[in-house]
Amino acid sequence: MNLCLFEDIVPEPAPSQRVAPLRIDHAALWEQEMTEILKERLAFHGLWAGAMAHEIVEGLRARLGGDDVYVPAPDRRARNARIRALFNGRNVDELCSLFELSRSTIYLICQRQTNPR
């Protein structure tokens, strides 16, 4: 543990102590995320989910390899309208678990119906 307050006087580690920078395989991370999504949302079996995720990632690599990919956030207007339609003042906990939101977020969404900003 180094307790030195001034980084510029901390000795450089010896070449044998230097650690190579960790390389992250982002395609593997995408594959893991897609596998989990397929299992959670579509109830795919683990082997099928993994195989399908692998093929999707390989297909994306073939078509978009090297490009940056932007995945926009979903439009929340439809979700918020649904929450307002279901809200009756006594079902906040039910809406929280249904939409995976906090109580304060549910109340904010329902308040905006009467007080649009």
Protein backbone atom coordinates (compact mmCIF):
# COMPACT_ATOMS: atom_id res chain seq x y z
CA MET A 1 0.00 0.00 0.00
CA ASN A 2 1.40 3.37 -0.98
CA LEU A 3 0.48 6.24 1.34
CA CYS A 4 2.35 8.89 -0.61
CA LEU A 5 0.30 12.05 -1.21
CA PHE A 6 2.31 13.15 -4.24
CA GLU A 7 2.05 10.91 -7.27
CA ASP A 8 5.05 12.48 -8.97
CA ILE A 9 7.45 11.17 -6.32
CA VAL A 10 6.10 7.63 -6.26
CA PRO A 11 8.72 5.36 -7.85
CA GLU A 12 7.81 3.66 -11.14
CA PRO A 13 7.21 -0.07 -10.74
CA ALA A 14 9.91 -2.30 -12.12
CA PRO A 15 9.24 -3.61 -15.67
CA SER A 16 8.56 -7.10 -14.31
CA GLN A 17 5.83 -5.66 -12.02
CA ARG A 18 3.92 -3.84 -14.78
CA VAL A 19 0.58 -5.35 -15.62
CA ALA A 20 -0.54 -5.52 -19.23
CA PRO A 21 -3.73 -3.55 -19.88
CA LEU A 22 -6.85 -5.68 -19.74
CA ARG A 23 -8.48 -6.12 -23.14
CA ILE A 24 -12.24 -6.42 -23.09
CA ASP A 25 -14.01 -8.51 -25.71
CA HIS A 26 -17.14 -6.41 -26.19
CA ALA A 27 -18.64 -8.97 -28.55
CA ALA A 28 -18.49 -11.53 -25.75
CA LEU A 29 -20.21 -9.07 -23.40
CA TRP A 30 -22.96 -8.51 -25.99
CA GLU A 31 -23.34 -12.24 -26.37
CA GLN A 32 -23.72 -12.69 -22.61
CA GLU A 33 -26.30 -9.90 -22.39
CA MET A 34 -28.30 -11.27 -25.32
CA THR A 35 -28.22 -14.76 -23.83
CA GLU A 36 -29.65 -13.42 -20.56
CA ILE A 37 -32.33 -11.42 -22.41
CA LEU A 38 -33.38 -14.47 -24.43
CA LYS A 39 -33.63 -16.55 -21.27
CA GLU A 40 -35.44 -13.92 -19.18
CA ARG A 41 -37.83 -12.40 -21.71
CA LEU A 42 -38.46 -15.23 -24.14
CA ALA A 43 -37.92 -18.22 -21.82
CA PHE A 44 -35.30 -19.79 -24.07
CA HIS A 45 -33.34 -22.71 -22.64
CA GLY A 46 -29.73 -21.82 -21.79
CA LEU A 47 -28.15 -23.73 -24.70
CA TRP A 48 -30.58 -22.37 -27.27
CA ALA A 49 -30.27 -18.85 -25.90
CA GLY A 50 -26.48 -19.01 -26.03
CA ALA A 51 -26.45 -20.40 -29.57
CA MET A 52 -28.92 -17.80 -30.82
CA ALA A 53 -27.07 -14.94 -29.12
CA HIS A 54 -23.80 -16.16 -30.63
CA GLU A 55 -25.29 -16.20 -34.14
CA ILE A 56 -26.81 -12.75 -33.72
CA VAL A 57 -23.49 -11.29 -32.55
CA GLU A 58 -21.63 -12.97 -35.41
CA GLY A 59 -24.21 -11.61 -37.86
CA LEU A 60 -23.82 -8.12 -36.43
CA ARG A 61 -20.04 -8.45 -36.68
CA ALA A 62 -20.32 -9.44 -40.33
CA ARG A 63 -22.64 -6.56 -41.17
CA LEU A 64 -21.45 -3.80 -38.83
CA GLY A 65 -17.97 -4.89 -37.75
CA GLY A 66 -15.97 -1.90 -36.55
CA ASP A 67 -18.91 0.52 -36.58
CA ASP A 68 -20.30 2.16 -33.48
CA VAL A 69 -23.79 0.94 -32.68
CA TYR A 70 -26.31 3.22 -30.97
CA VAL A 71 -29.34 1.67 -29.29
CA PRO A 72 -31.81 4.42 -28.40
CA ALA A 73 -33.74 4.30 -25.16
CA PRO A 74 -37.40 3.33 -25.54
CA ASP A 75 -40.02 6.05 -25.84
CA ARG A 76 -41.58 6.25 -22.40
CA ARG A 77 -44.73 8.11 -23.40
CA ALA A 78 -46.72 4.92 -24.05
CA ARG A 79 -45.53 3.38 -20.77
CA ASN A 80 -46.38 6.55 -18.83
CA ALA A 81 -49.84 6.76 -20.43
CA ARG A 82 -50.47 3.13 -19.43
CA ILE A 83 -49.38 3.86 -15.84
CA ARG A 84 -51.74 6.85 -15.69
CA ALA A 85 -54.60 4.76 -17.05
CA LEU A 86 -54.04 2.01 -14.47
CA PHE A 87 -53.36 4.29 -11.50
CA ASN A 88 -56.26 4.50 -9.04
CA GLY A 89 -54.44 5.91 -6.00
CA ARG A 90 -54.41 2.59 -4.13
CA ASN A 91 -52.38 0.40 -6.50
CA VAL A 92 -48.96 2.09 -6.38
CA ASP A 93 -47.14 -1.03 -5.14
CA GLU A 94 -48.73 -3.13 -7.87
CA LEU A 95 -47.65 -0.63 -10.54
CA CYS A 96 -44.14 -0.50 -9.04
CA SER A 97 -43.67 -4.22 -9.48
CA LEU A 98 -45.44 -4.34 -12.85
CA PHE A 99 -43.30 -1.58 -14.41
CA GLU A 100 -40.21 -2.06 -12.21
CA LEU A 101 -40.27 1.56 -11.03
CA SER A 102 -40.05 3.23 -7.65
CA ARG A 103 -43.07 4.66 -5.85
CA SER A 104 -41.78 8.20 -6.33
CA THR A 105 -41.45 7.64 -10.09
CA ILE A 106 -45.02 6.33 -10.31
CA TYR A 107 -46.26 9.38 -8.42
CA LEU A 108 -44.23 11.74 -10.63
CA ILE A 109 -45.65 10.17 -13.78
CA CYS A 110 -49.22 10.43 -12.46
CA GLN A 111 -48.66 13.99 -11.25
CA ARG A 112 -47.53 15.06 -14.73
CA GLN A 113 -50.93 14.04 -16.05
CA THR A 114 -52.56 16.81 -14.06
CA ASN A 115 -49.59 19.24 -14.09
CA PRO A 116 -47.85 18.94 -17.47
CA ARG A 117 -44.52 20.76 -17.58
